[in-house]
Structure formats: C-alpha cells, structure tokens
PDB file of N, CA and C in Angstrom:
ATOM      1  N   MET A   1     -31.039 -43.687 -12.992  1.00  0.00           N
ATOM      2  CA  MET A   1     -29.703 -43.325 -13.422  1.00  0.00           C
ATOM      3  C   MET A   1     -28.670 -43.561 -12.309  1.00  0.00           C
ATOM      4  N   LEU A   2     -29.053 -43.245 -11.051  1.00  0.00           N
ATOM      5  CA  LEU A   2     -28.143 -43.451  -9.934  1.00  0.00           C
ATOM      6  C   LEU A   2     -27.820 -44.933  -9.774  1.00  0.00           C
ATOM      7  N   LYS A   3     -28.817 -45.783  -9.958  1.00  0.00           N
ATOM      8  CA  LYS A   3     -28.577 -47.233  -9.877  1.00  0.00           C
ATOM      9  C   LYS A   3     -27.569 -47.682 -10.930  1.00  0.00           C
ATOM     10  N   GLU A   4     -27.649 -47.098 -12.115  1.00  0.00           N
ATOM     11  CA  GLU A   4     -26.713 -47.459 -13.185  1.00  0.00           C
ATOM     12  C   GLU A   4     -25.277 -47.115 -12.799  1.00  0.00           C
ATOM     13  N   ILE A   5     -25.096 -45.961 -12.190  1.00  0.00           N
ATOM     14  CA  ILE A   5     -23.751 -45.569 -11.772  1.00  0.00           C
ATOM     15  C   ILE A   5     -23.254 -46.495 -10.669  1.00  0.00           C
ATOM     16  N   LEU A   6     -24.106 -46.765  -9.675  1.00  0.00           N
ATOM     17  CA  LEU A   6     -23.703 -47.645  -8.576  1.00  0.00           C
ATOM     18  C   LEU A   6     -23.411 -49.059  -9.065  1.00  0.00           C
ATOM     19  N   ASN A   7     -24.126 -49.480 -10.083  1.00  0.00           N
ATOM     20  CA  ASN A   7     -23.900 -50.822 -10.646  1.00  0.00           C
ATOM     21  C   ASN A   7     -22.495 -50.954 -11.235  1.00  0.00           C
ATOM     22  N   LYS A   8     -21.896 -49.855 -11.675  1.00  0.00           N
ATOM     23  CA  LYS A   8     -20.526 -49.888 -12.200  1.00  0.00           C
ATOM     24  C   LYS A   8     -19.547 -50.413 -11.153  1.00  0.00           C
ATOM     25  N   PHE A   9     -19.838 -50.145  -9.884  1.00  0.00           N
ATOM     26  CA  PHE A   9     -18.959 -50.611  -8.817  1.00  0.00           C
ATOM     27  C   PHE A   9     -19.102 -52.112  -8.597  1.00  0.00           C
ATOM     28  N   LEU A  10     -20.318 -52.629  -8.750  1.00  0.00           N
ATOM     29  CA  LEU A  10     -20.531 -54.065  -8.540  1.00  0.00           C
ATOM     30  C   LEU A  10     -19.837 -54.911  -9.600  1.00  0.00           C
ATOM     31  N   ILE A  11     -19.516 -54.303 -10.710  1.00  0.00           N
ATOM     32  CA  ILE A  11     -18.799 -55.013 -11.776  1.00  0.00           C
ATOM     33  C   ILE A  11     -17.343 -55.258 -11.367  1.00  0.00           C
ATOM     34  N   LEU A  12     -16.825 -54.391 -10.490  1.00  0.00           N
ATOM     35  CA  LEU A  12     -15.441 -54.538 -10.036  1.00  0.00           C
ATOM     36  C   LEU A  12     -15.303 -55.784  -9.171  1.00  0.00           C
ATOM     37  N   ASN A  13     -14.248 -56.506  -9.368  1.00  0.00           N
ATOM     38  CA  ASN A  13     -14.007 -57.749  -8.642  1.00  0.00           C
ATOM     39  C   ASN A  13     -14.000 -57.532  -7.130  1.00  0.00           C
ATOM     40  N   GLY A  14     -14.845 -58.265  -6.411  1.00  0.00           N
ATOM     41  CA  GLY A  14     -14.859 -58.238  -4.956  1.00  0.00           C
ATOM     42  C   GLY A  14     -15.770 -57.211  -4.321  1.00  0.00           C
ATOM     43  N   VAL A  15     -16.325 -56.298  -5.102  1.00  0.00           N
ATOM     44  CA  VAL A  15     -17.221 -55.288  -4.532  1.00  0.00           C
ATOM     45  C   VAL A  15     -18.572 -55.928  -4.235  1.00  0.00           C
ATOM     46  N   GLN A  16     -19.044 -55.723  -3.012  1.00  0.00           N
ATOM     47  CA  GLN A  16     -20.307 -56.307  -2.583  1.00  0.00           C
ATOM     48  C   GLN A  16     -21.435 -55.295  -2.463  1.00  0.00           C
ATOM     49  N   ALA A  17     -21.095 -54.025  -2.293  1.00  0.00           N
ATOM     50  CA  ALA A  17     -22.143 -53.012  -2.175  1.00  0.00           C
ATOM     51  C   ALA A  17     -21.603 -51.636  -2.531  1.00  0.00           C
ATOM     52  N   ALA A  18     -22.470 -50.855  -3.145  1.00  0.00           N
ATOM     53  CA  ALA A  18     -22.223 -49.441  -3.414  1.00  0.00           C
ATOM     54  C   ALA A  18     -23.464 -48.717  -2.904  1.00  0.00           C
ATOM     55  N   VAL A  19     -23.264 -47.805  -1.960  1.00  0.00           N
ATOM     56  CA  VAL A  19     -24.393 -47.190  -1.267  1.00  0.00           C
ATOM     57  C   VAL A  19     -24.220 -45.677  -1.205  1.00  0.00           C
ATOM     58  N   VAL A  20     -25.279 -44.956  -1.564  1.00  0.00           N
ATOM     59  CA  VAL A  20     -25.316 -43.520  -1.315  1.00  0.00           C
ATOM     60  C   VAL A  20     -26.169 -43.361  -0.065  1.00  0.00           C
ATOM     61  N   ILE A  21     -25.564 -42.761   0.954  1.00  0.00           N
ATOM     62  CA  ILE A  21     -26.203 -42.680   2.261  1.00  0.00           C
ATOM     63  C   ILE A  21     -26.081 -41.271   2.817  1.00  0.00           C
ATOM     64  N   GLN A  22     -27.106 -40.862   3.549  1.00  0.00           N
ATOM     65  CA  GLN A  22     -27.052 -39.576   4.224  1.00  0.00           C
ATOM     66  C   GLN A  22     -26.346 -39.740   5.555  1.00  0.00           C
ATOM     67  N   GLU A  23     -25.857 -38.641   6.069  1.00  0.00           N
ATOM     68  CA  GLU A  23     -25.146 -38.653   7.341  1.00  0.00           C
ATOM     69  C   GLU A  23     -26.001 -39.221   8.478  1.00  0.00           C
ATOM     70  N   ASN A  24     -27.325 -39.102   8.368  1.00  0.00           N
ATOM     71  CA  ASN A  24     -28.225 -39.611   9.403  1.00  0.00           C
ATOM     72  C   ASN A  24     -28.485 -41.112   9.278  1.00  0.00           C
ATOM     73  N   GLY A  25     -27.881 -41.765   8.290  1.00  0.00           N
ATOM     74  CA  GLY A  25     -28.026 -43.204   8.112  1.00  0.00           C
ATOM     75  C   GLY A  25     -29.073 -43.616   7.100  1.00  0.00           C
ATOM     76  N   GLU A  26     -29.801 -42.660   6.545  1.00  0.00           N
ATOM     77  CA  GLU A  26     -30.824 -42.994   5.552  1.00  0.00           C
ATOM     78  C   GLU A  26     -30.163 -43.344   4.220  1.00  0.00           C
ATOM     79  N   ILE A  27     -30.519 -44.496   3.686  1.00  0.00           N
ATOM     80  CA  ILE A  27     -29.977 -44.916   2.396  1.00  0.00           C
ATOM     81  C   ILE A  27     -30.776 -44.257   1.286  1.00  0.00           C
ATOM     82  N   ILE A  28     -30.081 -43.550   0.418  1.00  0.00           N
ATOM     83  CA  ILE A  28     -30.711 -42.897  -0.727  1.00  0.00           C
ATOM     84  C   ILE A  28     -30.857 -43.893  -1.865  1.00  0.00           C
ATOM     85  N   GLU A  29     -29.799 -44.658  -2.118  1.00  0.00           N
ATOM     86  CA  GLU A  29     -29.812 -45.690  -3.155  1.00  0.00           C
ATOM     87  C   GLU A  29     -28.705 -46.670  -2.864  1.00  0.00           C
ATOM     88  N   SER A  30     -28.933 -47.914  -3.234  1.00  0.00           N
ATOM     89  CA  SER A  30     -27.877 -48.911  -3.050  1.00  0.00           C
ATOM     90  C   SER A  30     -27.987 -50.000  -4.095  1.00  0.00           C
ATOM     91  N   MET A  31     -26.853 -50.564  -4.388  1.00  0.00           N
ATOM     92  CA  MET A  31     -26.759 -51.762  -5.226  1.00  0.00           C
ATOM     93  C   MET A  31     -25.876 -52.704  -4.434  1.00  0.00           C
ATOM     94  N   LYS A  32     -26.338 -53.926  -4.252  1.00  0.00           N
ATOM     95  CA  LYS A  32     -25.549 -54.847  -3.447  1.00  0.00           C
ATOM     96  C   LYS A  32     -25.654 -56.264  -3.973  1.00  0.00           C
ATOM     97  N   SER A  33     -24.644 -57.039  -3.606  1.00  0.00           N
ATOM     98  CA  SER A  33     -24.578 -58.433  -4.017  1.00  0.00           C
ATOM     99  C   SER A  33     -23.895 -59.226  -2.905  1.00  0.00           C
ATOM    100  N   GLY A  34     -24.630 -60.119  -2.287  1.00  0.00           N
ATOM    101  CA  GLY A  34     -24.044 -60.985  -1.273  1.00  0.00           C
ATOM    102  C   GLY A  34     -23.832 -60.341   0.078  1.00  0.00           C
ATOM    103  N   ILE A  35     -24.532 -59.243   0.356  1.00  0.00           N
ATOM    104  CA  ILE A  35     -24.384 -58.570   1.644  1.00  0.00           C
ATOM    105  C   ILE A  35     -25.721 -57.931   2.024  1.00  0.00           C
ATOM    106  N   VAL A  36     -25.991 -57.911   3.315  1.00  0.00           N
ATOM    107  CA  VAL A  36     -27.200 -57.278   3.834  1.00  0.00           C
ATOM    108  C   VAL A  36     -26.787 -56.005   4.564  1.00  0.00           C
ATOM    109  N   ILE A  37     -27.449 -54.923   4.251  1.00  0.00           N
ATOM    110  CA  ILE A  37     -27.187 -53.663   4.933  1.00  0.00           C
ATOM    111  C   ILE A  37     -28.341 -53.441   5.899  1.00  0.00           C
ATOM    112  N   ASP A  38     -28.123 -53.841   7.142  1.00  0.00           N
ATOM    113  CA  ASP A  38     -29.179 -53.745   8.147  1.00  0.00           C
ATOM    114  C   ASP A  38     -29.066 -52.455   8.944  1.00  0.00           C
ATOM    115  N   ARG A  39     -29.946 -52.310   9.910  1.00  0.00           N
ATOM    116  CA  ARG A  39     -29.987 -51.092  10.717  1.00  0.00           C
ATOM    117  C   ARG A  39     -28.677 -50.867  11.477  1.00  0.00           C
ATOM    118  N   ASN A  40     -28.093 -51.923  11.994  1.00  0.00           N
ATOM    119  CA  ASN A  40     -26.831 -51.790  12.735  1.00  0.00           C
ATOM    120  C   ASN A  40     -25.715 -51.253  11.843  1.00  0.00           C
ATOM    121  N   LEU A  41     -25.639 -51.760  10.616  1.00  0.00           N
ATOM    122  CA  LEU A  41     -24.604 -51.285   9.697  1.00  0.00           C
ATOM    123  C   LEU A  41     -24.857 -49.833   9.307  1.00  0.00           C
ATOM    124  N   ARG A  42     -26.104 -49.478   9.056  1.00  0.00           N
ATOM    125  CA  ARG A  42     -26.425 -48.080   8.727  1.00  0.00           C
ATOM    126  C   ARG A  42     -26.037 -47.148   9.876  1.00  0.00           C
ATOM    127  N   THR A  43     -26.326 -47.567  11.099  1.00  0.00           N
ATOM    128  CA  THR A  43     -25.965 -46.759  12.273  1.00  0.00           C
ATOM    129  C   THR A  43     -24.450 -46.621  12.379  1.00  0.00           C
ATOM    130  N   ALA A  44     -23.735 -47.716  12.159  1.00  0.00           N
ATOM    131  CA  ALA A  44     -22.275 -47.679  12.218  1.00  0.00           C
ATOM    132  C   ALA A  44     -21.712 -46.745  11.148  1.00  0.00           C
ATOM    133  N   LEU A  45     -22.239 -46.812   9.941  1.00  0.00           N
ATOM    134  CA  LEU A  45     -21.768 -45.937   8.863  1.00  0.00           C
ATOM    135  C   LEU A  45     -22.041 -44.475   9.197  1.00  0.00           C
ATOM    136  N   SER A  46     -23.210 -44.197   9.746  1.00  0.00           N
ATOM    137  CA  SER A  46     -23.549 -42.834  10.139  1.00  0.00           C
ATOM    138  C   SER A  46     -22.566 -42.319  11.187  1.00  0.00           C
ATOM    139  N   THR A  47     -22.245 -43.147  12.154  1.00  0.00           N
ATOM    140  CA  THR A  47     -21.297 -42.770  13.202  1.00  0.00           C
ATOM    141  C   THR A  47     -19.922 -42.485  12.614  1.00  0.00           C
ATOM    142  N   ILE A  48     -19.478 -43.336  11.697  1.00  0.00           N
ATOM    143  CA  ILE A  48     -18.180 -43.129  11.048  1.00  0.00           C
ATOM    144  C   ILE A  48     -18.165 -41.795  10.309  1.00  0.00           C
ATOM    145  N   MET A  49     -19.243 -41.496   9.582  1.00  0.00           N
ATOM    146  CA  MET A  49     -19.308 -40.257   8.814  1.00  0.00           C
ATOM    147  C   MET A  49     -19.231 -39.033   9.721  1.00  0.00           C
ATOM    148  N   ILE A  50     -20.010 -39.037  10.778  1.00  0.00           N
ATOM    149  CA  ILE A  50     -20.041 -37.899  11.693  1.00  0.00           C
ATOM    150  C   ILE A  50     -18.699 -37.751  12.418  1.00  0.00           C
ATOM    151  N   ASP A  51     -18.159 -38.858  12.905  1.00  0.00           N
ATOM    152  CA  ASP A  51     -16.896 -38.807  13.651  1.00  0.00           C
ATOM    153  C   ASP A  51     -15.720 -38.369  12.786  1.00  0.00           C
ATOM    154  N   THR A  52     -15.666 -38.840  11.544  1.00  0.00           N
ATOM    155  CA  THR A  52     -14.538 -38.459  10.699  1.00  0.00           C
ATOM    156  C   THR A  52     -14.611 -36.995  10.298  1.00  0.00           C
ATOM    157  N   ARG A  53     -15.806 -36.486  10.113  1.00  0.00           N
ATOM    158  CA  ARG A  53     -15.941 -35.047   9.831  1.00  0.00           C
ATOM    159  C   ARG A  53     -15.493 -34.230  11.035  1.00  0.00           C
ATOM    160  N   SER A  54     -15.878 -34.677  12.225  1.00  0.00           N
ATOM    161  CA  SER A  54     -15.466 -33.977  13.447  1.00  0.00           C
ATOM    162  C   SER A  54     -13.952 -34.015  13.610  1.00  0.00           C
ATOM    163  N   ALA A  55     -13.351 -35.155  13.318  1.00  0.00           N
ATOM    164  CA  ALA A  55     -11.896 -35.282  13.427  1.00  0.00           C
ATOM    165  C   ALA A  55     -11.205 -34.342  12.453  1.00  0.00           C
ATOM    166  N   ALA A  56     -11.696 -34.268  11.232  1.00  0.00           N
ATOM    167  CA  ALA A  56     -11.100 -33.375  10.237  1.00  0.00           C
ATOM    168  C   ALA A  56     -11.187 -31.928  10.695  1.00  0.00           C
ATOM    169  N   ALA A  57     -12.310 -31.551  11.260  1.00  0.00           N
ATOM    170  CA  ALA A  57     -12.467 -30.182  11.760  1.00  0.00           C
ATOM    171  C   ALA A  57     -11.509 -29.934  12.923  1.00  0.00           C
ATOM    172  N   GLY A  58     -11.321 -30.940  13.758  1.00  0.00           N
ATOM    173  CA  GLY A  58     -10.415 -30.814  14.890  1.00  0.00           C
ATOM    174  C   GLY A  58      -8.965 -30.662  14.483  1.00  0.00           C
ATOM    175  N   PHE A  59      -8.614 -31.197  13.345  1.00  0.00           N
ATOM    176  CA  PHE A  59      -7.249 -31.086  12.842  1.00  0.00           C
ATOM    177  C   PHE A  59      -7.033 -29.811  12.035  1.00  0.00           C
ATOM    178  N   ASN A  60      -8.082 -29.002  11.877  1.00  0.00           N
ATOM    179  CA  ASN A  60      -8.017 -27.787  11.064  1.00  0.00           C
ATOM    180  C   ASN A  60      -7.472 -28.081   9.671  1.00  0.00           C
ATOM    181  N   SER A  61      -7.863 -29.220   9.142  1.00  0.00           N
ATOM    182  CA  SER A  61      -7.345 -29.615   7.835  1.00  0.00           C
ATOM    183  C   SER A  61      -8.386 -29.387   6.748  1.00  0.00           C
ATOM    184  N   ALA A  62      -8.008 -29.720   5.547  1.00  0.00           N
ATOM    185  CA  ALA A  62      -8.915 -29.626   4.412  1.00  0.00           C
ATOM    186  C   ALA A  62     -10.103 -30.559   4.627  1.00  0.00           C
ATOM    187  N   PRO A  63     -11.164 -30.371   3.888  1.00  0.00           N
ATOM    188  CA  PRO A  63     -12.329 -31.231   4.041  1.00  0.00           C
ATOM    189  C   PRO A  63     -11.980 -32.715   3.840  1.00  0.00           C
ATOM    190  N   LEU A  64     -12.748 -33.551   4.474  1.00  0.00           N
ATOM    191  CA  LEU A  64     -12.577 -34.993   4.371  1.00  0.00           C
ATOM    192  C   LEU A  64     -12.661 -35.426   2.908  1.00  0.00           C
ATOM    193  N   SER A  65     -11.732 -36.271   2.472  1.00  0.00           N
ATOM    194  CA  SER A  65     -11.782 -36.750   1.093  1.00  0.00           C
ATOM    195  C   SER A  65     -12.060 -38.239   0.994  1.00  0.00           C
ATOM    196  N   MET A  66     -11.670 -39.013   2.020  1.00  0.00           N
ATOM    197  CA  MET A  66     -11.929 -40.455   1.965  1.00  0.00           C
ATOM    198  C   MET A  66     -11.593 -41.097   3.303  1.00  0.00           C
ATOM    199  N   VAL A  67     -12.362 -42.134   3.651  1.00  0.00           N
ATOM    200  CA  VAL A  67     -12.104 -42.924   4.856  1.00  0.00           C
ATOM    201  C   VAL A  67     -12.004 -44.380   4.424  1.00  0.00           C
ATOM    202  N   PHE A  68     -11.015 -45.071   4.954  1.00  0.00           N
ATOM    203  CA  PHE A  68     -10.814 -46.485   4.645  1.00  0.00           C
ATOM    204  C   PHE A  68     -10.798 -47.254   5.957  1.00  0.00           C
ATOM    205  N   ALA A  69     -11.592 -48.304   6.041  1.00  0.00           N
ATOM    206  CA  ALA A  69     -11.594 -49.168   7.229  1.00  0.00           C
ATOM    207  C   ALA A  69     -11.472 -50.613   6.762  1.00  0.00           C
ATOM    208  N   GLN A  70     -10.511 -51.318   7.329  1.00  0.00           N
ATOM    209  CA  GLN A  70     -10.269 -52.702   6.925  1.00  0.00           C
ATOM    210  C   GLN A  70     -10.615 -53.639   8.069  1.00  0.00           C
ATOM    211  N   TYR A  71     -11.292 -54.717   7.723  1.00  0.00           N
ATOM    212  CA  TYR A  71     -11.670 -55.763   8.673  1.00  0.00           C
ATOM    213  C   TYR A  71     -11.052 -57.068   8.189  1.00  0.00           C
ATOM    214  N   SER A  72     -11.249 -58.155   8.903  1.00  0.00           N
ATOM    215  CA  SER A  72     -10.557 -59.403   8.563  1.00  0.00           C
ATOM    216  C   SER A  72     -10.876 -59.889   7.151  1.00  0.00           C
ATOM    217  N   ASP A  73     -12.118 -59.771   6.713  1.00  0.00           N
ATOM    218  CA  ASP A  73     -12.470 -60.296   5.393  1.00  0.00           C
ATOM    219  C   ASP A  73     -13.108 -59.268   4.463  1.00  0.00           C
ATOM    220  N   LYS A  74     -13.291 -58.035   4.943  1.00  0.00           N
ATOM    221  CA  LYS A  74     -13.910 -56.980   4.142  1.00  0.00           C
ATOM    222  C   LYS A  74     -13.230 -55.651   4.433  1.00  0.00           C
ATOM    223  N   PHE A  75     -13.503 -54.691   3.564  1.00  0.00           N
ATOM    224  CA  PHE A  75     -13.124 -53.317   3.857  1.00  0.00           C
ATOM    225  C   PHE A  75     -14.204 -52.403   3.336  1.00  0.00           C
ATOM    226  N   LEU A  76     -14.208 -51.200   3.847  1.00  0.00           N
ATOM    227  CA  LEU A  76     -15.127 -50.211   3.309  1.00  0.00           C
ATOM    228  C   LEU A  76     -14.363 -48.945   3.027  1.00  0.00           C
ATOM    229  N   ILE A  77     -14.803 -48.283   1.980  1.00  0.00           N
ATOM    230  CA  ILE A  77     -14.271 -46.980   1.617  1.00  0.00           C
ATOM    231  C   ILE A  77     -15.463 -46.032   1.603  1.00  0.00           C
ATOM    232  N   LEU A  78     -15.297 -44.937   2.286  1.00  0.00           N
ATOM    233  CA  LEU A  78     -16.360 -43.965   2.421  1.00  0.00           C
ATOM    234  C   LEU A  78     -15.849 -42.633   1.896  1.00  0.00           C
ATOM    235  N   GLY A  79     -16.580 -42.046   0.977  1.00  0.00           N
ATOM    236  CA  GLY A  79     -16.168 -40.758   0.421  1.00  0.00           C
ATOM    237  C   GLY A  79     -17.332 -39.786   0.395  1.00  0.00           C
ATOM    238  N   PRO A  80     -17.096 -38.543   0.812  1.00  0.00           N
ATOM    239  CA  PRO A  80     -18.164 -37.550   0.788  1.00  0.00           C
ATOM    240  C   PRO A  80     -18.551 -37.188  -0.642  1.00  0.00           C
ATOM    241  N   LEU A  81     -19.843 -36.945  -0.833  1.00  0.00           N
ATOM    242  CA  LEU A  81     -20.345 -36.533  -2.138  1.00  0.00           C
ATOM    243  C   LEU A  81     -20.756 -35.065  -2.121  1.00  0.00           C
ATOM    244  N   ALA A  82     -21.620 -34.737  -1.191  1.00  0.00           N
ATOM    245  CA  ALA A  82     -22.119 -33.373  -1.020  1.00  0.00           C
ATOM    246  C   ALA A  82     -22.234 -33.143   0.483  1.00  0.00           C
ATOM    247  N   GLU A  83     -22.839 -32.066   0.878  1.00  0.00           N
ATOM    248  CA  GLU A  83     -22.860 -31.650   2.281  1.00  0.00           C
ATOM    249  C   GLU A  83     -23.104 -32.790   3.263  1.00  0.00           C
ATOM    250  N   GLU A  84     -24.137 -33.572   3.081  1.00  0.00           N
ATOM    251  CA  GLU A  84     -24.441 -34.637   4.042  1.00  0.00           C
ATOM    252  C   GLU A  84     -24.597 -36.006   3.390  1.00  0.00           C
ATOM    253  N   PHE A  85     -24.116 -36.155   2.193  1.00  0.00           N
ATOM    254  CA  PHE A  85     -24.227 -37.411   1.462  1.00  0.00           C
ATOM    255  C   PHE A  85     -22.859 -38.047   1.267  1.00  0.00           C
ATOM    256  N   PHE A  86     -22.829 -39.373   1.353  1.00  0.00           N
ATOM    257  CA  PHE A  86     -21.593 -40.119   1.209  1.00  0.00           C
ATOM    258  C   PHE A  86     -21.793 -41.300   0.276  1.00  0.00           C
ATOM    259  N   LEU A  87     -20.727 -41.692  -0.377  1.00  0.00           N
ATOM    260  CA  LEU A  87     -20.698 -42.927  -1.150  1.00  0.00           C
ATOM    261  C   LEU A  87     -19.896 -43.929  -0.340  1.00  0.00           C
ATOM    262  N   VAL A  88     -20.496 -45.079  -0.087  1.00  0.00           N
ATOM    263  CA  VAL A  88     -19.834 -46.134   0.673  1.00  0.00           C
ATOM    264  C   VAL A  88     -19.705 -47.358  -0.223  1.00  0.00           C
ATOM    265  N   ILE A  89     -18.494 -47.866  -0.310  1.00  0.00           N
ATOM    266  CA  ILE A  89     -18.237 -49.099  -1.045  1.00  0.00           C
ATOM    267  C   ILE A  89     -17.798 -50.151  -0.033  1.00  0.00           C
ATOM    268  N   ILE A  90     -18.452 -51.297  -0.061  1.00  0.00           N
ATOM    269  CA  ILE A  90     -18.080 -52.424   0.791  1.00  0.00           C
ATOM    270  C   ILE A  90     -17.564 -53.522  -0.131  1.00  0.00           C
ATOM    271  N   ALA A  91     -16.379 -54.029   0.183  1.00  0.00           N
ATOM    272  CA  ALA A  91     -15.749 -55.011  -0.699  1.00  0.00           C
ATOM    273  C   ALA A  91     -15.037 -56.094   0.103  1.00  0.00           C
ATOM    274  N   LYS A  92     -14.805 -57.212  -0.559  1.00  0.00           N
ATOM    275  CA  LYS A  92     -14.006 -58.282   0.034  1.00  0.00           C
ATOM    276  C   LYS A  92     -12.560 -57.799   0.150  1.00  0.00           C
ATOM    277  N   SER A  93     -11.833 -58.385   1.073  1.00  0.00           N
ATOM    278  CA  SER A  93     -10.447 -57.949   1.311  1.00  0.00           C
ATOM    279  C   SER A  93      -9.543 -58.158   0.097  1.00  0.00           C
ATOM    280  N   THR A  94      -9.976 -58.966  -0.859  1.00  0.00           N
ATOM    281  CA  THR A  94      -9.179 -59.239  -2.052  1.00  0.00           C
ATOM    282  C   THR A  94      -9.413 -58.225  -3.179  1.00  0.00           C
ATOM    283  N   ALA A  95     -10.354 -57.304  -2.991  1.00  0.00           N
ATOM    284  CA  ALA A  95     -10.671 -56.321  -4.031  1.00  0.00           C
ATOM    285  C   ALA A  95      -9.529 -55.328  -4.201  1.00  0.00           C
ATOM    286  N   ASN A  96      -9.496 -54.683  -5.344  1.00  0.00           N
ATOM    287  CA  ASN A  96      -8.450 -53.723  -5.683  1.00  0.00           C
ATOM    288  C   ASN A  96      -8.841 -52.334  -5.168  1.00  0.00           C
ATOM    289  N   ILE A  97      -8.230 -51.914  -4.075  1.00  0.00           N
ATOM    290  CA  ILE A  97      -8.554 -50.641  -3.426  1.00  0.00           C
ATOM    291  C   ILE A  97      -8.308 -49.462  -4.368  1.00  0.00           C
ATOM    292  N   GLY A  98      -7.201 -49.486  -5.069  1.00  0.00           N
ATOM    293  CA  GLY A  98      -6.871 -48.391  -5.981  1.00  0.00           C
ATOM    294  C   GLY A  98      -7.898 -48.228  -7.081  1.00  0.00           C
ATOM    295  N   GLN A  99      -8.339 -49.328  -7.645  1.00  0.00           N
ATOM    296  CA  GLN A  99      -9.331 -49.277  -8.715  1.00  0.00           C
ATOM    297  C   GLN A  99     -10.655 -48.726  -8.186  1.00  0.00           C
ATOM    298  N   ILE A 100     -11.048 -49.161  -6.999  1.00  0.00           N
ATOM    299  CA  ILE A 100     -12.297 -48.682  -6.401  1.00  0.00           C
ATOM    300  C   ILE A 100     -12.200 -47.183  -6.126  1.00  0.00           C
ATOM    301  N   SER A 101     -11.104 -46.754  -5.538  1.00  0.00           N
ATOM    302  CA  SER A 101     -10.896 -45.342  -5.239  1.00  0.00           C
ATOM    303  C   SER A 101     -10.947 -44.491  -6.507  1.00  0.00           C
ATOM    304  N   TYR A 102     -10.311 -44.966  -7.546  1.00  0.00           N
ATOM    305  CA  TYR A 102     -10.324 -44.267  -8.833  1.00  0.00           C
ATOM    306  C   TYR A 102     -11.755 -44.124  -9.361  1.00  0.00           C
ATOM    307  N   GLU A 103     -12.522 -45.201  -9.319  1.00  0.00           N
ATOM    308  CA  GLU A 103     -13.913 -45.173  -9.806  1.00  0.00           C
ATOM    309  C   GLU A 103     -14.774 -44.245  -8.953  1.00  0.00           C
ATOM    310  N   MET A 104     -14.513 -44.204  -7.655  1.00  0.00           N
ATOM    311  CA  MET A 104     -15.267 -43.299  -6.789  1.00  0.00           C
ATOM    312  C   MET A 104     -15.030 -41.851  -7.206  1.00  0.00           C
ATOM    313  N   LYS A 105     -13.786 -41.494  -7.411  1.00  0.00           N
ATOM    314  CA  LYS A 105     -13.456 -40.128  -7.809  1.00  0.00           C
ATOM    315  C   LYS A 105     -13.997 -39.812  -9.201  1.00  0.00           C
ATOM    316  N   LYS A 106     -13.892 -40.767 -10.091  1.00  0.00           N
ATOM    317  CA  LYS A 106     -14.343 -40.588 -11.471  1.00  0.00           C
ATOM    318  C   LYS A 106     -15.853 -40.353 -11.554  1.00  0.00           C
ATOM    319  N   ASN A 107     -16.621 -41.016 -10.690  1.00  0.00           N
ATOM    320  CA  ASN A 107     -18.078 -40.947 -10.749  1.00  0.00           C
ATOM    321  C   ASN A 107     -18.698 -39.965  -9.758  1.00  0.00           C
ATOM    322  N   GLN A 108     -17.885 -39.303  -8.963  1.00  0.00           N
ATOM    323  CA  GLN A 108     -18.399 -38.419  -7.918  1.00  0.00           C
ATOM    324  C   GLN A 108     -19.320 -37.327  -8.463  1.00  0.00           C
ATOM    325  N   GLU A 109     -18.884 -36.608  -9.462  1.00  0.00           N
ATOM    326  CA  GLU A 109     -19.698 -35.511 -10.000  1.00  0.00           C
ATOM    327  C   GLU A 109     -21.017 -35.990 -10.578  1.00  0.00           C
ATOM    328  N   ALA A 110     -21.010 -37.115 -11.244  1.00  0.00           N
ATOM    329  CA  ALA A 110     -22.235 -37.662 -11.821  1.00  0.00           C
ATOM    330  C   ALA A 110     -23.221 -38.030 -10.723  1.00  0.00           C
ATOM    331  N   ILE A 111     -22.713 -38.620  -9.648  1.00  0.00           N
ATOM    332  CA  ILE A 111     -23.599 -38.988  -8.526  1.00  0.00           C
ATOM    333  C   ILE A 111     -24.155 -37.739  -7.873  1.00  0.00           C
ATOM    334  N   VAL A 112     -23.307 -36.747  -7.603  1.00  0.00           N
ATOM    335  CA  VAL A 112     -23.763 -35.509  -6.971  1.00  0.00           C
ATOM    336  C   VAL A 112     -24.840 -34.845  -7.811  1.00  0.00           C
ATOM    337  N   SER A 113     -24.705 -34.864  -9.121  1.00  0.00           N
ATOM    338  CA  SER A 113     -25.695 -34.212  -9.990  1.00  0.00           C
ATOM    339  C   SER A 113     -27.074 -34.870  -9.895  1.00  0.00           C
ATOM    340  N   LEU A 114     -27.122 -36.107  -9.393  1.00  0.00           N
ATOM    341  CA  LEU A 114     -28.393 -36.824  -9.270  1.00  0.00           C
ATOM    342  C   LEU A 114     -29.022 -36.720  -7.875  1.00  0.00           C
ATOM    343  N   LEU A 115     -28.307 -36.120  -6.950  1.00  0.00           N
ATOM    344  CA  LEU A 115     -28.847 -35.998  -5.576  1.00  0.00           C
ATOM    345  C   LEU A 115     -29.808 -34.829  -5.449  1.00  0.00           C
TER     346      LEU A 115
END
C-alpha cells in the first residue's frame, strides 16, 4: 500500500523519487525512476533531517513542516511524517513545486497510518 501512495508522486512531471526514510538514514520504502539513492545520499538526507530539526528547536518555533533544497538541475523537498520518519521527494528543476507540496500534504496521513 505504501508503494502505491509513493507511486502517485512518480506520476507527477519531473519527479524522480519518493522516499520514506528514517532520521538515521534507513529507507523504509522508495519508488524511483532515473535516480540512484546510494549511501552518500542517504547520509546527506539524514544530516539534513537532523540539522533542520535542531535549527527549528533553536528558533523556538513550531515543529518543522517542510525543507526545500534546490540544486542546479534537481531539488528535494523533505517533510516530516511522524517522530523520526520523513517523506523526501527528489525532482528535476522543471517540476512543479506547488503541486508536489500539495500532494505531500494530501497524502501525509495515509503514509503515517502505514508506518
């Protein structure tokens, strides 16, 4: 069932991967097309998750709701699901950020219910 939900993201134009990952870098489930998620990328994602949570705590702000990182030809959007689980979307720079963000929010509860 989790694969079916993640597959909804791959249907969106430019999305290359939808990944449910733990804060420690362990991939719970992923659907990908045209991209390899290797150990270095998992480590980088884990670092981003831990650092952004620490930054949010340092700002005494509300819990983290989303992280966006843009690179020359790709971007990633990272959103918390539950205590230590995150949904990461990796997409080409031409993808529609708003549409991806909307789908992440729309499917969050369904994904959490499967963890």
